[in-house]
Every structure is written in C-alpha cells, then in structure tokens.
Protein backbone atom coordinates (compact mmCIF):
# COMPACT_ATOMS: atom_id res chain seq x y z
CA MET A 1 89.17 88.46 91.64
CA PRO A 2 86.08 87.08 93.41
CA ARG A 3 86.79 84.74 96.28
CA ALA A 4 84.54 82.77 98.59
CA CYS A 5 85.82 81.47 101.94
CA LEU A 6 84.47 78.69 104.12
CA ALA A 7 85.09 79.19 107.85
CA GLY A 8 87.14 76.62 109.68
CA LEU A 9 89.25 74.22 107.68
CA ALA A 10 88.71 74.96 104.00
CA VAL A 11 88.84 77.78 101.50
CA LEU A 12 87.41 77.67 97.97
CA ALA A 13 88.41 80.24 95.38
CA LEU A 14 87.09 80.93 91.88
CA THR A 15 88.77 83.42 89.59
CA CYS A 16 87.97 84.68 86.15
CA ALA A 17 89.79 86.97 83.77
CA ALA A 18 89.32 88.43 80.31
CA ARG A 19 86.24 88.00 78.14
CA ALA A 20 84.32 85.03 76.86
CA ASP A 21 84.91 86.04 73.23
CA SER A 22 88.71 85.95 73.55
CA PRO A 23 90.49 84.72 70.45
CA VAL A 24 93.20 82.10 70.55
CA VAL A 25 96.61 83.75 70.29
CA SER A 26 98.96 82.18 67.80
CA VAL A 27 102.44 81.95 69.28
CA SER A 28 105.66 81.94 67.34
CA THR A 29 108.72 79.72 67.45
CA LEU A 30 112.21 81.17 67.61
CA HIS A 31 115.40 79.30 66.78
CA MET A 32 118.24 80.64 68.94
CA PRO A 33 121.55 80.74 67.03
CA ARG A 34 124.90 79.73 68.55
CA LEU A 35 127.42 82.57 68.21
CA THR A 36 131.05 82.38 67.22
CA ARG A 37 131.89 85.31 69.50
CA PRO A 38 130.09 87.15 72.32
CA PRO A 39 128.37 90.41 71.35
CA THR A 40 129.23 93.63 73.20
CA LEU A 41 127.37 96.86 73.76
CA GLU A 42 129.84 98.64 71.51
CA ASP A 43 128.88 96.32 68.62
CA PHE A 44 125.49 98.13 68.57
CA ALA A 45 126.76 101.70 69.05
CA GLU A 46 125.04 102.85 65.84
CA MET A 47 121.70 101.30 66.88
CA ARG A 48 122.38 98.29 64.69
CA PRO A 49 124.74 95.30 64.95
CA THR A 50 128.11 95.07 63.27
CA PRO A 51 127.99 93.16 59.95
CA ASP A 52 129.28 89.87 61.38
CA LEU A 53 126.74 89.85 64.23
CA ALA A 54 123.93 90.93 61.89
CA THR A 55 124.33 87.63 60.05
CA GLN A 56 124.58 85.56 63.26
CA MET A 57 122.10 86.95 65.80
CA LEU A 58 118.35 86.43 65.66
CA ARG A 59 116.44 89.71 65.16
CA VAL A 60 112.99 90.08 66.74
CA THR A 61 110.60 92.95 65.94
CA GLY A 62 106.86 93.56 65.98
CA PHE A 63 106.19 94.42 69.64
CA VAL A 64 102.50 94.81 70.55
CA GLN A 65 100.94 96.90 73.32
CA ARG A 66 99.03 95.45 76.26
CA PHE A 67 98.56 98.84 77.94
CA PRO A 68 97.14 101.37 77.36
CA VAL A 69 95.57 99.94 74.17
CA ASP A 70 95.47 96.15 74.10
CA ARG A 71 96.86 94.69 70.84
CA ALA A 72 97.86 98.08 69.38
CA PRO A 73 101.34 98.41 67.78
CA VAL A 74 104.13 99.71 69.98
CA SER A 75 104.50 103.50 69.79
CA GLN A 76 108.32 103.40 69.50
CA PRO A 77 110.20 100.90 67.30
CA THR A 78 111.96 98.13 69.20
CA GLU A 79 114.42 95.48 68.00
CA VAL A 80 115.91 92.63 70.01
CA TYR A 81 118.92 90.54 68.96
CA LEU A 82 119.33 87.08 70.51
CA GLY A 83 122.08 84.45 70.59
CA TYR A 84 124.01 82.12 72.87
CA ASP A 85 127.36 80.46 73.39
CA GLN A 86 128.48 77.62 75.64
CA ARG A 87 128.12 79.60 78.86
CA HIS A 88 125.72 82.50 78.27
CA LEU A 89 122.50 83.64 76.66
CA TYR A 90 122.61 87.15 75.12
CA ALA A 91 119.83 89.65 74.46
CA VAL A 92 120.51 93.12 73.03
CA PHE A 93 117.57 95.56 73.01
CA VAL A 94 117.75 98.42 70.51
CA CYS A 95 115.03 100.84 71.64
CA PHE A 96 114.35 103.71 69.28
CA ASP A 97 112.62 106.82 70.59
CA ARG A 98 111.48 109.85 68.63
CA GLU A 99 111.76 111.96 71.81
CA PRO A 100 114.94 110.64 73.44
CA GLN A 101 115.11 113.58 75.86
CA LYS A 102 111.97 112.20 77.56
CA ILE A 103 113.45 108.77 78.32
CA ARG A 104 113.47 108.08 82.07
CA ALA A 105 116.84 106.70 83.11
CA ARG A 106 118.14 107.12 86.65
CA MET A 107 121.14 105.72 88.49
CA SER A 108 119.11 103.71 91.00
CA ALA A 109 119.67 100.76 93.30
CA ARG A 110 119.21 97.25 91.97
CA ASN A 111 115.56 96.30 91.40
CA GLU A 112 114.43 99.94 91.62
CA ILE A 113 114.09 100.38 87.86
CA PHE A 114 110.38 99.91 87.37
CA SER A 115 109.46 103.61 87.31
CA ASP A 116 112.05 104.14 84.54
CA ASP A 117 112.02 103.05 80.93
CA PHE A 118 113.10 99.40 81.04
CA VAL A 119 113.22 96.15 79.09
CA THR A 120 113.10 92.50 80.17
CA ILE A 121 113.59 89.01 78.80
CA GLN A 122 111.43 86.36 80.48
CA LEU A 123 112.24 82.65 80.20
CA ASP A 124 110.05 79.67 81.09
CA THR A 125 112.92 77.17 81.06
CA PHE A 126 110.83 74.09 81.88
CA ARG A 127 108.11 75.14 79.39
CA ASP A 128 105.52 74.12 81.97
CA GLN A 129 103.71 77.50 82.18
CA ARG A 130 104.26 77.70 85.96
CA ARG A 131 107.32 79.93 86.51
CA ALA A 132 109.54 82.16 84.40
CA TYR A 133 112.83 83.92 85.09
CA VAL A 134 112.73 87.68 84.53
CA PHE A 135 115.92 89.62 83.69
CA GLY A 136 115.64 93.34 83.08
CA SER A 137 117.52 96.64 82.86
CA ASN A 138 116.87 100.34 82.55
CA PRO A 139 118.70 102.40 79.88
CA LEU A 140 121.73 102.86 82.15
CA GLY A 141 122.23 99.15 82.84
CA ILE A 142 120.66 99.10 86.33
CA GLN A 143 119.44 95.56 86.90
CA GLY A 144 116.08 94.18 87.93
CA ASP A 145 115.22 90.50 88.26
CA ALA A 146 112.35 88.39 89.54
CA ILE A 147 110.43 85.17 89.00
CA TRP A 148 106.96 85.31 87.50
CA VAL A 149 104.72 82.77 89.26
CA GLU A 150 101.59 82.01 87.28
CA GLY A 151 98.47 82.92 89.24
CA VAL A 152 100.53 84.89 91.80
CA GLY A 153 102.61 87.48 89.96
CA PHE A 154 106.18 88.70 90.35
CA ASP A 155 108.35 87.26 93.11
CA GLN A 156 110.96 90.01 93.46
CA SER A 157 112.77 88.18 96.26
CA PHE A 158 114.68 86.35 93.51
CA ASP A 159 118.23 87.67 93.08
CA THR A 160 120.83 86.01 90.90
CA VAL A 161 123.98 86.79 88.95
CA PHE A 162 123.68 88.24 85.44
CA ASP A 163 125.29 91.10 83.55
CA THR A 164 123.80 94.23 82.01
CA ARG A 165 125.07 97.35 80.28
CA GLY A 166 123.10 100.24 78.87
CA THR A 167 123.60 103.55 77.16
CA LEU A 168 121.50 106.47 75.95
CA THR A 169 121.89 107.56 72.33
CA GLU A 170 120.56 110.33 70.13
CA GLN A 171 118.00 107.88 68.74
CA GLY A 172 116.94 106.15 71.97
CA TYR A 173 118.87 103.66 74.05
CA ILE A 174 120.57 100.25 73.94
CA VAL A 175 120.57 97.56 76.63
CA TRP A 176 122.90 94.54 76.62
CA ILE A 177 121.94 91.55 78.81
CA ARG A 178 124.07 88.46 79.41
CA VAL A 179 122.54 85.61 81.44
CA PRO A 180 124.86 82.79 82.59
CA PHE A 181 123.33 79.34 82.26
CA LYS A 182 124.59 78.78 85.81
CA SER A 183 121.95 81.26 86.97
CA LEU A 184 119.14 79.15 85.47
CA ARG A 185 117.57 75.78 86.17
CA PHE A 186 116.31 73.71 83.23
CA PRO A 187 115.89 70.07 82.16
CA ALA A 188 119.02 67.99 81.72
CA THR A 189 118.39 67.23 78.03
CA PRO A 190 120.61 67.74 74.95
CA ARG A 191 118.06 70.06 73.31
CA GLN A 192 116.15 72.70 75.20
CA THR A 193 112.63 73.97 74.52
CA TRP A 194 111.78 77.09 76.51
CA GLY A 195 109.11 79.76 76.56
CA ILE A 196 110.18 83.35 75.89
CA LEU A 197 108.63 86.78 76.34
CA LEU A 198 110.30 90.11 75.52
CA THR A 199 109.03 93.37 77.03
CA ARG A 200 109.53 97.12 76.81
CA ASP A 201 107.97 99.69 79.17
CA ILE A 202 107.63 103.40 78.32
CA PRO A 203 106.35 105.03 81.54
CA ARG A 204 105.66 108.51 80.18
CA GLY A 205 102.79 107.00 78.18
CA SER A 206 101.95 104.20 80.66
CA GLU A 207 102.84 101.87 77.82
CA GLU A 208 103.65 98.19 78.23
CA SER A 209 104.51 96.30 75.06
CA PHE A 210 105.45 92.67 74.48
CA TRP A 211 106.70 90.20 71.96
CA PRO A 212 104.92 87.94 71.26
CA GLN A 213 101.46 89.45 71.70
CA TYR A 214 100.37 89.16 75.35
CA THR A 215 96.74 90.19 75.47
CA LEU A 216 94.29 91.04 78.24
CA ARG A 217 91.74 88.85 76.51
CA ILE A 218 93.40 85.64 77.63
CA GLU A 219 93.74 84.59 81.29
CA GLY A 220 97.36 83.91 82.14
CA ARG A 221 100.79 85.01 80.94
CA LEU A 222 102.99 81.98 80.45
CA ASN A 223 100.45 80.28 78.19
CA GLN A 224 100.98 83.15 75.73
CA LEU A 225 104.76 82.88 75.43
CA ALA A 226 106.58 82.06 72.21
CA THR A 227 108.59 78.86 71.92
CA LEU A 228 112.38 79.12 72.01
CA GLU A 229 114.38 76.33 70.37
CA GLY A 230 117.96 75.90 69.18
CA LEU A 231 119.73 75.72 72.55
CA GLU A 232 121.81 72.55 72.44
CA ASN A 233 124.31 70.91 74.78
CA VAL A 234 124.18 73.61 77.45
CA SER A 235 124.15 73.02 81.20
CA PRO A 236 124.16 75.12 84.37
CA GLY A 237 126.67 72.65 85.79
CA ARG A 238 126.74 70.75 89.06
CA ASN A 239 128.38 73.61 90.86
CA ILE A 240 129.20 74.21 94.51
CA GLN A 241 129.27 77.70 95.98
CA LEU A 242 130.77 78.53 99.39
CA GLN A 243 130.39 81.95 101.00
CA PRO A 244 132.11 82.41 104.38
CA TYR A 245 131.94 85.63 106.36
CA GLY A 246 133.42 87.20 109.49
CA ALA A 247 132.24 90.13 111.59
CA PHE A 248 133.41 92.17 114.57
CA ARG A 249 130.94 94.12 116.71
CA SER A 250 131.33 96.61 119.53
CA SER A 251 128.54 98.89 120.75
CA ARG A 252 127.29 101.23 123.43
CA ALA A 253 123.64 101.23 124.45
CA LEU A 254 121.60 103.63 126.56
CA ASP A 255 120.63 102.11 129.92
CA PRO A 256 117.91 104.18 131.68
CA LEU A 257 118.65 102.51 135.03
CA ALA A 258 122.33 103.45 134.84
CA ALA A 259 121.48 106.96 133.62
CA GLY A 260 123.98 106.70 130.82
CA PHE A 261 125.52 104.54 128.14
CA VAL A 262 126.74 101.02 128.84
CA ARG A 263 129.35 99.43 126.59
CA GLU A 264 128.49 95.96 125.32
CA PRO A 265 131.31 93.39 125.22
CA ALA A 266 133.09 93.14 121.90
CA ALA A 267 132.07 90.08 119.86
CA VAL A 268 133.59 88.22 116.95
CA ASP A 269 131.22 86.30 114.73
CA GLY A 270 131.42 84.16 111.62
CA GLY A 271 129.50 81.71 109.51
CA LEU A 272 129.18 79.92 106.19
CA ASP A 273 126.57 79.75 103.44
CA ALA A 274 126.81 76.94 100.90
CA LYS A 275 124.92 76.01 97.73
CA PHE A 276 124.94 72.60 96.04
CA ILE A 277 123.23 71.91 92.70
CA PHE A 278 122.21 68.37 91.76
CA GLN A 279 121.40 67.19 88.22
CA ASP A 280 120.69 70.75 87.05
CA ARG A 281 117.32 70.59 88.82
CA LEU A 282 117.61 70.58 92.62
CA VAL A 283 119.32 73.23 94.76
CA LEU A 284 120.42 72.55 98.34
CA ASP A 285 121.19 75.69 100.36
CA THR A 286 122.73 75.30 103.81
CA THR A 287 123.77 77.88 106.37
CA ILE A 288 125.73 77.96 109.61
CA ASN A 289 125.13 81.08 111.68
CA PRO A 290 123.74 83.09 108.74
CA ASP A 291 124.74 86.72 108.25
CA PHE A 292 121.82 89.16 108.20
CA SER A 293 123.87 92.29 108.81
CA GLN A 294 123.22 93.70 105.31
CA VAL A 295 119.45 93.42 105.59
CA GLU A 296 117.83 96.86 105.54
CA SER A 297 115.69 97.88 108.51
CA ASP A 298 111.93 97.36 108.24
CA GLN A 299 109.62 100.08 107.06
CA PRO A 300 107.99 101.66 110.14
CA GLN A 301 104.55 100.59 111.30
CA VAL A 302 102.35 101.85 114.12
CA SER A 303 102.41 99.30 116.96
CA ALA A 304 100.30 101.18 119.53
CA ASN A 305 96.70 100.05 120.10
CA GLN A 306 96.97 97.06 117.75
CA ARG A 307 94.81 94.01 118.47
CA PHE A 308 96.74 91.72 116.12
CA GLU A 309 100.36 91.03 115.26
CA LEU A 310 102.13 93.32 112.83
CA PHE A 311 103.31 91.82 109.55
CA PHE A 312 106.81 92.75 108.40
CA PRO A 313 107.97 91.35 105.03
CA GLU A 314 110.87 88.92 104.89
CA GLU A 315 114.15 90.53 103.83
CA ARG A 316 116.78 87.91 104.75
CA PRO A 317 118.50 86.30 101.74
CA PHE A 318 118.51 82.71 103.04
CA PHE A 319 114.72 82.70 103.38
CA LEU A 320 114.00 84.77 100.27
CA GLU A 321 115.60 82.65 97.54
CA ASN A 322 113.09 80.35 95.83
CA ALA A 323 110.44 81.39 98.38
CA SER A 324 107.76 80.88 95.71
CA TYR A 325 108.21 77.10 96.02
CA PHE A 326 106.48 77.34 99.43
CA ASP A 327 103.59 79.57 98.33
CA THR A 328 99.98 78.49 98.86
CA PRO A 329 96.74 80.48 98.40
CA ILE A 330 96.66 81.03 102.18
CA GLN A 331 100.04 81.85 103.68
CA LEU A 332 100.56 79.01 106.15
CA PHE A 333 104.20 79.65 107.03
CA PHE A 334 105.87 82.94 107.85
CA THR A 335 109.66 82.65 107.87
CA ARG A 336 110.16 85.60 110.21
CA ARG A 337 108.92 83.31 112.97
CA ILE A 338 112.45 81.91 112.70
CA ALA A 339 114.01 84.94 114.37
CA ASP A 340 117.56 83.79 115.22
CA PRO A 341 118.63 80.64 113.32
CA GLN A 342 122.01 79.03 113.82
CA LEU A 343 121.60 76.13 111.39
CA GLY A 344 119.39 75.79 108.35
CA ALA A 345 118.95 73.85 105.12
CA ARG A 346 116.61 74.33 102.17
CA LEU A 347 116.00 72.06 99.16
CA THR A 348 114.11 73.47 96.17
CA GLY A 349 113.70 72.48 92.56
CA LYS A 350 111.69 70.49 90.07
CA VAL A 351 111.89 66.84 89.12
CA GLY A 352 109.79 66.02 86.09
CA ARG A 353 106.36 67.49 86.78
CA THR A 354 106.84 67.73 90.54
CA SER A 355 108.06 70.88 92.32
CA ILE A 356 109.64 70.38 95.74
CA GLY A 357 110.35 72.80 98.58
CA ALA A 358 111.72 71.63 101.93
CA LEU A 359 113.23 73.66 104.76
CA VAL A 360 114.55 72.83 108.23
CA ALA A 361 116.01 75.32 110.70
CA ASP A 362 116.44 76.00 114.38
CA ASP A 363 115.66 79.21 116.28
CA GLN A 364 117.66 80.37 119.29
CA SER A 365 115.41 83.34 120.12
CA PRO A 366 112.95 81.59 122.53
CA GLY A 367 115.80 80.64 124.86
CA ARG A 368 117.37 84.10 124.65
CA ARG A 369 114.23 86.09 125.49
CA VAL A 370 113.93 84.73 129.03
CA PRO A 371 116.08 85.39 132.14
CA ALA A 372 119.11 83.16 132.69
CA ALA A 373 117.39 81.48 135.66
CA ASP A 374 114.35 80.49 133.62
CA PRO A 375 114.11 76.73 132.78
CA LEU A 376 113.68 77.67 129.11
CA ALA A 377 116.93 79.65 128.98
CA GLY A 378 119.23 78.33 126.27
CA THR A 379 116.56 76.19 124.61
CA ARG A 380 115.64 76.56 120.97
CA ALA A 381 112.73 75.90 118.64
CA TYR A 382 112.88 73.70 115.53
CA PHE A 383 111.05 74.24 112.25
CA ALA A 384 110.32 71.89 109.34
CA ILE A 385 108.36 72.70 106.18
CA LEU A 386 107.56 70.46 103.21
CA ARG A 387 105.77 71.63 100.08
CA VAL A 388 105.10 69.39 97.05
CA ASN A 389 103.25 70.55 93.94
CA ARG A 390 102.33 68.31 90.99
CA ASP A 391 101.64 69.69 87.51
CA LEU A 392 98.48 68.33 85.92
CA TRP A 393 97.20 69.60 82.58
CA ALA A 394 97.97 73.09 81.20
CA GLN A 395 98.54 75.51 84.10
CA SER A 396 96.69 73.22 86.52
CA SER A 397 98.26 71.72 89.61
CA LEU A 398 97.61 69.89 92.87
CA GLY A 399 99.75 70.43 95.95
CA MET A 400 100.24 69.70 99.62
CA ILE A 401 102.04 71.43 102.47
CA TYR A 402 103.07 70.47 105.99
CA THR A 403 104.62 72.80 108.56
CA ASP A 404 105.84 72.00 112.07
CA ARG A 405 107.27 74.08 114.92
CA GLU A 406 108.54 72.17 117.96
CA PHE A 407 109.63 73.85 121.19
CA HIS A 408 110.21 72.24 124.59
CA GLY A 409 107.34 69.74 124.26
CA SER A 410 104.98 72.23 122.61
CA TYR A 411 104.20 72.27 118.90
CA ASN A 412 102.19 73.81 116.13
CA ARG A 413 101.51 71.59 113.11
CA VAL A 414 99.61 72.57 109.99
CA GLY A 415 98.75 70.42 106.99
CA GLY A 416 96.86 71.25 103.86
CA VAL A 417 96.06 70.44 100.25
CA ASP A 418 95.32 72.90 97.47
CA GLY A 419 94.69 72.97 93.76
CA ARG A 420 94.56 75.33 90.81
CA PHE A 421 92.62 74.25 87.74
CA LYS A 422 92.57 76.02 84.38
CA VAL A 423 89.08 75.43 83.01
CA ASN A 424 89.55 77.26 79.71
CA ALA A 425 91.23 80.37 78.32
CA ASN A 426 89.20 82.64 80.58
CA TRP A 427 88.38 80.75 83.79
CA VAL A 428 90.46 79.43 86.66
CA THR A 429 89.19 77.76 89.82
CA GLY A 430 91.04 76.70 92.92
CA PHE A 431 90.67 75.42 96.45
CA GLN A 432 92.62 74.96 99.67
CA ALA A 433 91.78 72.83 102.72
CA VAL A 434 93.78 73.22 105.94
CA ALA A 435 93.89 71.54 109.35
CA SER A 436 96.04 72.45 112.35
CA SER A 437 96.99 71.05 115.74
CA THR A 438 98.64 72.96 118.59
CA ARG A 439 100.05 71.97 121.95
CA ARG A 440 100.98 74.73 124.35
CA LEU A 441 103.79 74.77 126.89
CA ASP A 442 101.29 74.01 129.66
CA GLY A 443 100.20 70.81 127.89
CA SER A 444 96.79 72.04 126.68
CA THR A 445 95.93 71.30 123.05
CA LEU A 446 93.99 73.07 120.32
CA THR A 447 92.59 71.87 117.02
CA GLY A 448 90.71 74.11 114.63
CA SER A 449 89.19 77.19 116.30
CA PRO A 450 89.65 77.40 120.11
CA ALA A 451 86.63 77.74 122.35
CA PRO A 452 86.21 81.22 123.87
CA GLY A 453 87.93 81.54 127.23
CA PRO A 454 87.63 83.98 130.10
CA THR A 455 88.22 87.66 129.39
CA SER A 456 91.79 88.71 130.19
CA PRO A 457 92.22 91.30 132.99
CA GLY A 458 92.55 95.04 132.03
CA ARG A 459 90.32 97.61 130.41
CA LEU A 460 87.54 96.45 128.04
CA PRO A 461 87.66 97.81 124.47
CA ARG A 462 85.56 100.91 123.88
CA LEU A 463 84.83 103.27 121.03
CA GLU A 464 87.04 106.35 120.76
CA ASN A 465 88.08 108.82 118.06
CA LEU A 466 91.07 107.81 115.97
CA SER A 467 93.03 110.08 113.66
CA VAL A 468 95.59 108.48 111.32
CA GLY A 469 97.91 110.11 108.81
CA ASP A 470 100.38 108.49 106.41
CA TYR A 471 102.42 110.92 104.33
CA GLY A 472 105.28 110.35 101.96
CA ILE A 473 107.36 112.27 99.47
CA THR A 474 110.08 111.02 97.14
CA LEU A 475 112.73 113.37 95.82
CA ARG A 476 115.30 112.90 93.05
CA PRO A 477 117.54 116.00 93.15
CA THR A 478 119.98 114.35 90.74
CA ARG A 479 120.05 111.23 88.58
CA HIS A 480 122.14 109.51 91.27
CA LEU A 481 120.35 110.55 94.49
CA LEU A 482 117.04 109.17 95.76
CA ILE A 483 115.44 110.53 98.96
CA ASP A 484 112.38 108.75 100.39
CA ASN A 485 110.65 110.54 103.28
CA GLY A 486 107.73 109.26 105.32
CA TYR A 487 105.66 110.43 108.29
CA LEU A 488 103.16 108.27 110.22
CA SER A 489 100.87 109.97 112.73
CA THR A 490 98.34 108.22 114.97
CA ARG A 491 96.23 109.97 117.58
CA LEU A 492 93.57 108.42 119.86
CA ILE A 493 91.20 110.82 121.64
CA GLN A 494 88.35 110.23 124.10
CA ARG A 495 85.05 110.82 122.30
CA HIS A 496 83.25 112.73 125.04
CA ALA A 497 85.99 114.20 127.23
CA GLY A 498 88.20 115.17 124.32
CA ARG A 499 91.33 114.14 126.20
CA SER A 500 94.25 112.63 124.34
CA ILE A 501 94.86 108.93 125.05
CA PHE A 502 98.08 108.73 123.05
CA ASN A 503 99.96 110.35 120.18
CA ASN A 504 102.36 108.28 118.06
CA HIS A 505 104.72 109.95 115.57
CA ILE A 506 107.19 108.18 113.27
CA LEU A 507 109.53 110.05 110.93
CA ARG A 508 111.79 108.23 108.48
CA SER A 509 114.16 109.47 105.79
CA ARG A 510 116.07 107.11 103.49
CA TRP A 511 118.89 108.50 101.32
CA ASN A 512 120.49 106.39 98.59
CA TYR A 513 123.32 107.71 96.40
CA GLN A 514 124.17 105.41 93.50
CA PHE A 515 127.73 106.04 92.31
CA THR A 516 127.68 103.25 89.68
CA PRO A 517 125.31 100.35 88.94
CA ARG A 518 127.26 98.29 91.52
CA LEU A 519 128.36 100.85 94.13
CA SER A 520 126.11 102.89 96.40
CA THR A 521 125.87 104.35 99.88
CA ARG A 522 122.73 104.49 101.97
CA VAL A 523 121.68 106.39 105.09
CA ILE A 524 118.46 105.78 107.04
CA LEU A 525 117.30 108.23 109.69
CA GLN A 526 114.30 107.38 111.87
CA TYR A 527 112.66 109.06 114.85
CA GLU A 528 109.71 107.65 116.80
CA THR A 529 107.89 108.90 119.87
CA LEU A 530 104.85 107.66 121.78
CA LEU A 531 103.19 110.23 124.03
CA ALA A 532 100.68 108.43 126.26
CA ASN A 533 98.25 109.71 128.87
CA PRO A 534 98.73 107.33 131.84
CA ALA A 535 95.41 108.36 133.36
CA VAL A 536 93.40 106.80 130.52
CA SER A 537 95.74 104.22 128.95
CA THR A 538 97.51 101.00 129.89
CA TRP A 539 100.74 99.84 128.19
CA HIS A 540 102.53 96.53 128.23
C-alpha cells in the first residue's frame, strides 16, 4: 500500500489493489425465507436438514477459493442453510471433510478461533459497502465476532450477543448460528436489503473460501457481496439495557520505606452502564464509574531507554464498542488518555448516509497523580470527540473529526478532514488534513510543530550496543488448555568499554483453561527486572 505524507498539517494517501484486467464479478441475490419453527443443531445431525426444514430453509452451495488459488473451487464441499423468524436470523453450516481427523477444533476462549477451522456469516445491513457484521464459530461452537470496516479491515473490538453450537461428525462438522435482530442495526423499513458473504476457512491447507466469489482481482470486499432480500417486518427494537455492578476491594502492598507490607483501606465500589437505542439506528451508551476490573493486563513492553511513549492497545469495553466510528487514516484520538473516568457518554450510529460518533468523558487521574497539597489535587480533565462521515458514491466518503481535552485552563484541540474515493474497481485514493492547537498549564501555546527549545539537562544521547530478544512459545497440551509464554530481553552495553549499562528481563506466562464455550479460568504470571549500572546510567 504506497503512501505519501506531507509534513505539517496534511497527509495524502494513494492505494491500489488487484490488476487492471480484473473482470466484473456478477453477484447473486438471495431471498431469505421466513421459518415456521426455529432450526436446531440436532435437525442436521445426519449432515442434512430434516424433511420439513429442507423445504423451508434456503440452501447455498458453490463456495469459491480466494486463497491459496484465487477463484478455484473449494476443496471440501460446503452447504449453508439460511432462514429467519420474528426475532432471529439462522445460518447452519454443513461442512463436509474427506479427512475429518485433520479438522482443527479446540476449546478456546471467545474470539480465539482463527487458527482453527471456522465459518462466518457477514452482513452489510445498510447495504452501503462501508461496514459489515461478522459472526463466526469453530467446529465446537466457540464464537468469534467482529466488524469489517472497508479500507481498514477487521475491528475485533466488537462484541455482541449471539448464539452458536457446533459438533464434529464422521463426515466433517456442523455449526449452528443464531443472530438476534437486537444485536444488529439496520434501516427502519418494512423490507430489508442487505449484503451477505459466507466463509469457510481450512487452516491445514491455508484455504479461505467464500460465497459468493470474493476475488483478489477486485479492490474491496463489501462491493463483492451478494444481495440478501426477503427479510420483512423485523426490528431490533427500541430497547434499553441497564447493567449495574458492585465490588469490594481489600489489598496489601509492599512499602519499601516501611520494610514490609502495608494494608490498604477496604473499599466498596459500584457503578452503572446503560444503553439506549433510538429508531433502530442510533445507540447511546452512558456510564457512571465504569467497571474495568475484568480487563486483562497489558502485554509486556520494554520501557527502559525509550525516547517516545509506549502504545498499549485499548481493552476497556466502554471505549471499544463501535470504536470504528471514530477511525481516521491518522489516529488522532487515543482513548487510553482517559485513564480514570467517572462519567461518560457515547453516541454512535448512522442516519441515512451519515455516520456519527460522539463521545464525552471526564478523567480523574490528573488530580490523583499529584500530592494532596498541590493546587491541582482533585481536579479532572474533560474530553470531547466528534466524528462525522458522509457516504458519497460507491465506497467513497468524506469526513471530519474534532477532539478536545480541557484541563485546568490548558487544552489540546485537533481538527481535521479526510476522504476516501473509489476511482474504479482497482484504485482508491484518499487524503487527510489536520490542524492542532495546544495551551499548556503555564499559559504558553503551540500550533503545528513547536520551535526547538533548549536542550533538557542530563546526559546527551550517544551510540551504544543494543541487544534485543523477543521469544515466544504457545503450547496446547489438551484441547481445553492454552499456554502462552513470552520472554523479552533488552541489554545495552558500552561500545568501547564493554560495560553493561542495563539489563531488562520480562517473563510472562498466560494459562487459559476452557471448560465450556462460556466458562473458563485464566492465570497470568509475570516477572520483570531491570538491572542498571548507576555509574553509566540515569533513571527517572
């Protein structure tokens, strides 16, 4: 993906994909039948539907490879049966395999299915070729979901409620998927017209197959989907979801000054998350004292001798859901800057051809990082983000974004416009222009790139010898147990004297035992040490 960047306030990007001689892919139209009863996994126990469902459900065959041989027939026969009722959409994948003993199917955690055999159904519910819901499962019914964002890829931060079941058979495997309409957003019209893509992955042959044909010779994915019709008088509903929580904490921490452990006061905490859906299109999420206790710890990174900030991915549910609505070619807002929110609200959705993302939140961390006597103690920062994106012609769009952080008279404000333009089946071009304004706590202001200032006190950078190692090994002793082990080693040595400046070692082991698709236990063990030579190093 070639990209050219202009220093300062603008970035221009040009991308191309596929070949100039690409043919136009003819897409099919499916008519989704309404069912008189819901199908079950047991209805397909013999790798075919019961007689009553065979006459009701829509059967789809003819999968085509994309990898390893573009447009070749699928190596293993695959059938998908589709239907819906008032509340759910159903997809049953019947996956034949001439070597069923080679099927990869492990009892893994949710969203960790993509090294197994798996299937997905992908739905572009607005039929605008911008985003598609992805619902998948491995042969044991372990779920995986995401949102495909055209031009970006999979957004795996998306997590919603849907049901899956799966079973291995002597002829292959069967996967049953049930998607509630409440887990989808789509136009409030009596008749729906969606895009649909069905997939099957066979990892032992690095094979990815699709229905309809999804070829490498065309740039884009959602422009190659089939059309799904027949859904009538369905609605996700104007529902309200409330999720309260309570927590009790008591801890002991090592205090080097006290030469022992100090018990922290016991604390009782609580909060509320709420979701409101308006006109089947807009979602308002609000939170009071959000609960992040179930967020897994970050993967380790080496922090010694780093000239720039470390980037840790966002893992907190409130900031993850519908995060793609705030995406721009250059990441202008990083939600982990909001370290300790007490109140927050987020509005996302699509009205007509306009996508909207808005977020406001406070952050208590600045006022908690300073001593109690500091004038900033107890103060908080405030964040506001607005993103609007307008669909133009096929897979083209024009958008704007504005971000603002206010804290005790200081601020950082960023505004920008960007666009993505589909020129033809093989070429896409885009741009982004950005401007920023900053006011520091001391009253000084910055716009654009700051002028160079005086060199900060301390040692000047110099060239030394650096040795870095990053090692990992993943073990699966049983179908239920996954063990991820990692070791990071960093060593800085004086070039001429040969003396060690510092050694940094990080060991991490993550054990996950999956009892059932919904029940697991997890243990994370981590050890880190930094051995520094004070004669030749300075630490802050």
